[in-house]
N, C-alpha and C. Protein backbone atom coordinates (compact mmCIF):
# COMPACT_ATOMS: atom_id res chain seq x y z
N UNK A 1 -37.82 -53.64 -6.04
CA UNK A 1 -37.55 -52.53 -5.40
C UNK A 1 -36.90 -52.78 -4.23
N UNK A 2 -35.55 -52.98 -3.48
CA UNK A 2 -35.64 -52.78 -2.37
C UNK A 2 -35.18 -51.44 -1.70
N UNK A 3 -35.46 -50.49 -0.91
CA UNK A 3 -35.21 -49.01 -0.73
C UNK A 3 -33.13 -49.14 -1.13
N UNK A 4 -32.54 -49.57 -1.00
CA UNK A 4 -31.31 -49.73 -0.63
C UNK A 4 -30.46 -50.22 -1.57
N UNK A 5 -31.52 -50.64 -2.91
CA UNK A 5 -30.55 -50.81 -3.80
C UNK A 5 -30.14 -49.52 -4.77
N UNK A 6 -29.26 -50.17 -5.26
CA UNK A 6 -28.13 -49.32 -5.87
C UNK A 6 -27.60 -49.82 -7.19
N UNK A 7 -27.70 -49.32 -8.28
CA UNK A 7 -27.73 -49.03 -9.81
C UNK A 7 -26.50 -48.35 -10.50
N UNK A 8 -26.24 -49.29 -11.13
CA UNK A 8 -24.53 -48.42 -12.39
C UNK A 8 -25.10 -48.11 -13.10
N UNK A 9 -25.36 -46.67 -13.32
CA UNK A 9 -26.24 -46.51 -14.76
C UNK A 9 -24.96 -45.47 -16.38
N UNK A 10 -24.81 -46.17 -16.75
CA UNK A 10 -23.87 -45.97 -18.07
C UNK A 10 -25.42 -44.78 -19.41
N UNK A 11 -24.73 -43.40 -19.47
CA UNK A 11 -25.33 -43.09 -20.60
C UNK A 11 -24.65 -42.63 -21.07
N UNK A 12 -25.58 -42.42 -22.61
CA UNK A 12 -24.92 -42.25 -23.51
C UNK A 12 -25.49 -40.58 -23.94
N UNK A 13 -24.25 -39.26 -23.50
CA UNK A 13 -24.87 -37.74 -22.76
C UNK A 13 -24.67 -37.15 -24.77
N UNK A 14 -25.20 -36.79 -25.36
CA UNK A 14 -25.36 -36.22 -26.30
C UNK A 14 -26.63 -35.06 -26.72
N UNK A 15 -25.87 -33.98 -27.51
CA UNK A 15 -26.09 -33.19 -27.90
C UNK A 15 -26.18 -33.25 -28.98
N UNK A 16 -27.11 -33.00 -29.78
CA UNK A 16 -27.23 -33.32 -31.40
C UNK A 16 -26.93 -31.98 -31.98
N UNK A 17 -26.22 -32.24 -33.32
CA UNK A 17 -26.57 -30.47 -34.30
C UNK A 17 -27.40 -29.91 -34.49
N UNK A 18 -28.19 -29.73 -34.57
CA UNK A 18 -27.00 -28.11 -34.37
C UNK A 18 -27.08 -27.52 -33.25
N UNK A 19 -28.22 -27.79 -32.38
CA UNK A 19 -27.78 -27.18 -30.93
C UNK A 19 -26.30 -27.47 -31.04
N UNK A 20 -25.74 -28.19 -30.32
CA UNK A 20 -24.36 -28.79 -30.52
C UNK A 20 -23.82 -29.72 -30.39
N UNK A 21 -22.23 -30.00 -30.62
CA UNK A 21 -21.52 -31.53 -30.81
C UNK A 21 -20.95 -32.24 -29.45
N UNK A 22 -22.00 -31.26 -28.37
CA UNK A 22 -21.15 -31.93 -26.66
C UNK A 22 -21.60 -33.45 -26.95
N UNK A 23 -20.94 -34.18 -26.25
CA UNK A 23 -21.73 -35.29 -25.55
C UNK A 23 -20.73 -36.63 -25.12
N UNK A 24 -21.25 -37.50 -25.01
CA UNK A 24 -20.01 -38.36 -23.58
C UNK A 24 -20.42 -39.75 -23.37
N UNK A 25 -19.73 -40.07 -22.59
CA UNK A 25 -20.05 -41.34 -21.78
C UNK A 25 -20.15 -41.12 -20.00
N UNK A 26 -21.41 -41.18 -19.29
CA UNK A 26 -21.13 -40.75 -17.98
C UNK A 26 -22.10 -42.43 -17.37
N UNK A 27 -20.67 -43.20 -16.06
CA UNK A 27 -21.26 -43.73 -15.51
C UNK A 27 -21.09 -43.14 -14.39
N UNK A 28 -22.10 -42.82 -13.27
CA UNK A 28 -22.30 -43.01 -12.35
C UNK A 28 -23.13 -44.11 -11.29
N UNK A 29 -23.84 -44.14 -9.92
CA UNK A 29 -23.84 -45.14 -9.45
C UNK A 29 -25.00 -44.07 -8.41
N UNK A 30 -26.29 -44.65 -8.01
CA UNK A 30 -27.41 -44.06 -7.99
C UNK A 30 -28.59 -44.80 -7.34
N UNK A 31 -29.73 -44.32 -6.62
CA UNK A 31 -30.90 -45.54 -6.16
C UNK A 31 -31.83 -45.21 -7.46
N UNK A 32 -32.38 -43.78 -7.31
CA UNK A 32 -33.00 -44.36 -8.65
C UNK A 32 -32.89 -43.19 -9.67
N UNK A 33 -33.59 -43.07 -10.90
CA UNK A 33 -33.40 -42.14 -11.67
C UNK A 33 -33.51 -39.91 -11.02
N UNK A 34 -33.58 -40.03 -9.97
CA UNK A 34 -34.40 -39.07 -9.85
C UNK A 34 -32.59 -38.42 -8.86
N UNK A 35 -32.34 -39.36 -8.01
CA UNK A 35 -30.66 -39.88 -7.48
C UNK A 35 -29.76 -38.80 -8.51
N UNK A 36 -29.91 -40.03 -9.45
CA UNK A 36 -28.92 -40.11 -10.58
C UNK A 36 -28.83 -38.09 -11.23
N UNK A 37 -30.09 -38.32 -11.22
CA UNK A 37 -30.37 -36.25 -11.49
C UNK A 37 -29.38 -35.51 -10.99
N UNK A 38 -30.42 -35.51 -9.50
CA UNK A 38 -30.00 -34.68 -8.86
C UNK A 38 -28.49 -34.55 -8.62
N UNK A 39 -27.32 -36.04 -9.00
CA UNK A 39 -25.75 -35.94 -9.09
C UNK A 39 -25.65 -35.28 -10.31
N UNK A 40 -25.47 -35.72 -10.74
CA UNK A 40 -24.68 -34.79 -11.80
C UNK A 40 -25.32 -33.32 -12.65
N UNK A 41 -27.04 -33.04 -11.73
CA UNK A 41 -27.40 -31.57 -11.51
C UNK A 41 -25.98 -31.02 -11.18
N UNK A 42 -25.06 -31.93 -9.90
CA UNK A 42 -23.84 -30.91 -9.56
C UNK A 42 -22.90 -30.50 -10.04
N UNK A 43 -22.87 -32.14 -11.05
CA UNK A 43 -21.52 -31.75 -11.84
C UNK A 43 -21.33 -30.80 -12.51
N UNK A 44 -19.86 -30.19 -11.86
CA UNK A 44 -19.42 -28.87 -12.95
C UNK A 44 -18.69 -29.08 -14.14
N UNK A 45 -18.72 -30.91 -14.79
CA UNK A 45 -17.94 -30.37 -15.65
C UNK A 45 -19.11 -30.68 -17.05
N UNK A 46 -20.16 -31.03 -16.17
CA UNK A 46 -21.06 -30.80 -17.41
C UNK A 46 -21.90 -29.45 -18.13
N UNK A 47 -22.05 -29.53 -18.78
CA UNK A 47 -23.02 -28.35 -19.26
C UNK A 47 -23.96 -28.53 -19.12
N UNK A 48 -24.40 -26.90 -17.90
CA UNK A 48 -25.81 -26.50 -17.63
C UNK A 48 -26.96 -26.13 -18.43
N UNK A 49 -26.37 -25.58 -19.49
CA UNK A 49 -27.71 -25.45 -20.42
C UNK A 49 -28.28 -26.60 -21.04
N UNK A 50 -28.29 -27.52 -20.51
CA UNK A 50 -28.22 -29.28 -21.27
C UNK A 50 -28.73 -29.99 -20.59
N UNK A 51 -29.17 -29.27 -19.23
CA UNK A 51 -29.83 -30.09 -18.19
C UNK A 51 -31.44 -30.72 -18.35
N UNK A 52 -31.25 -29.95 -18.85
CA UNK A 52 -33.18 -30.34 -19.53
C UNK A 52 -33.14 -31.19 -20.31
N UNK A 53 -32.30 -31.92 -20.98
CA UNK A 53 -31.70 -32.85 -21.65
C UNK A 53 -31.99 -34.92 -20.45
N UNK A 54 -30.80 -34.69 -19.50
CA UNK A 54 -30.26 -34.98 -19.30
C UNK A 54 -31.45 -35.73 -17.98
N UNK A 55 -32.90 -35.87 -17.87
CA UNK A 55 -33.10 -36.67 -17.30
C UNK A 55 -33.81 -38.26 -18.48
N UNK A 56 -34.17 -37.61 -19.63
CA UNK A 56 -34.51 -38.62 -20.77
C UNK A 56 -33.25 -39.29 -21.25
N UNK A 57 -31.98 -38.86 -20.88
CA UNK A 57 -30.83 -40.03 -21.12
C UNK A 57 -31.16 -40.89 -19.76
N UNK A 58 -30.81 -40.25 -18.97
CA UNK A 58 -31.10 -40.95 -17.24
C UNK A 58 -32.40 -42.51 -17.45
N UNK A 59 -33.70 -42.14 -18.08
CA UNK A 59 -34.52 -42.52 -18.21
C UNK A 59 -33.99 -43.71 -19.34
N UNK A 60 -32.87 -43.82 -19.36
CA UNK A 60 -33.12 -44.65 -21.40
C UNK A 60 -31.67 -45.24 -21.13
N UNK A 61 -31.19 -44.75 -19.75
CA UNK A 61 -29.79 -45.14 -19.49
C UNK A 61 -29.38 -46.90 -19.33
N UNK A 62 -28.73 -48.10 -19.64
CA UNK A 62 -28.22 -49.12 -19.07
C UNK A 62 -28.18 -49.04 -17.83
N UNK A 63 -29.02 -49.80 -17.13
CA UNK A 63 -28.71 -49.78 -15.41
C UNK A 63 -28.63 -51.03 -15.08
N UNK A 64 -27.36 -51.42 -13.79
CA UNK A 64 -27.32 -52.66 -13.68
C UNK A 64 -27.20 -52.71 -11.93
N UNK A 65 -28.32 -53.42 -10.96
CA UNK A 65 -28.59 -53.39 -10.03
C UNK A 65 -27.20 -54.34 -9.45
N UNK A 66 -26.88 -53.53 -8.62
CA UNK A 66 -25.23 -53.41 -8.02
C UNK A 66 -25.60 -54.77 -6.85
N UNK A 67 -24.85 -55.65 -7.02
CA UNK A 67 -24.71 -56.77 -5.30
C UNK A 67 -24.94 -56.03 -4.28
N UNK A 68 -23.20 -55.20 -4.12
CA UNK A 68 -23.24 -55.38 -2.60
C UNK A 68 -23.32 -53.57 -2.31
N UNK A 69 -22.90 -53.05 -1.16
CA UNK A 69 -23.25 -51.67 -0.94
C UNK A 69 -22.25 -50.64 -1.95
N UNK A 70 -22.47 -50.01 -2.72
CA UNK A 70 -21.82 -48.08 -3.01
C UNK A 70 -22.38 -47.57 -2.71
N UNK A 71 -21.53 -46.90 -2.41
CA UNK A 71 -21.83 -45.37 -2.70
C UNK A 71 -21.93 -44.55 -3.98
N UNK A 72 -23.36 -43.99 -3.78
CA UNK A 72 -23.18 -42.41 -4.57
C UNK A 72 -22.66 -41.39 -5.13
N UNK A 73 -22.55 -41.78 -6.59
CA UNK A 73 -21.65 -40.45 -7.31
C UNK A 73 -20.91 -40.97 -8.52
N UNK A 74 -20.57 -40.23 -9.60
CA UNK A 74 -20.47 -40.68 -10.86
C UNK A 74 -18.93 -41.27 -10.49
N UNK A 75 -18.70 -41.63 -11.50
CA UNK A 75 -17.43 -43.02 -11.66
C UNK A 75 -16.67 -42.52 -12.66
N UNK A 76 -17.47 -41.73 -13.45
CA UNK A 76 -16.56 -41.63 -14.83
C UNK A 76 -17.12 -40.75 -15.10
N UNK A 77 -17.08 -39.56 -15.80
CA UNK A 77 -17.48 -38.62 -17.26
C UNK A 77 -16.61 -38.51 -18.33
N UNK A 78 -17.01 -39.22 -19.43
CA UNK A 78 -15.64 -38.48 -19.90
C UNK A 78 -16.42 -37.67 -21.67
N UNK A 79 -16.39 -36.91 -21.44
CA UNK A 79 -17.74 -35.62 -22.21
C UNK A 79 -16.38 -34.61 -23.55
N UNK A 80 -16.96 -34.93 -25.24
CA UNK A 80 -16.14 -34.00 -25.83
C UNK A 80 -16.88 -32.82 -26.01
């Protein structure tokens, strides 16, 4: 893996009942799982109470290597 490689992450973000019914789909571009975590940790739209669950979701996310250079960041967040 090249240090300049970036990936499209597609996360199924769901906090199961009885803790919550909060969930959604998140797409973002990041260089690594840690980069994705850092980006999502700063997103106000996501419930900060469930941040401890985010790394597992990132590790299990669908990751697609990008062929062209793109800036890291969130593309879309759909949460209920």
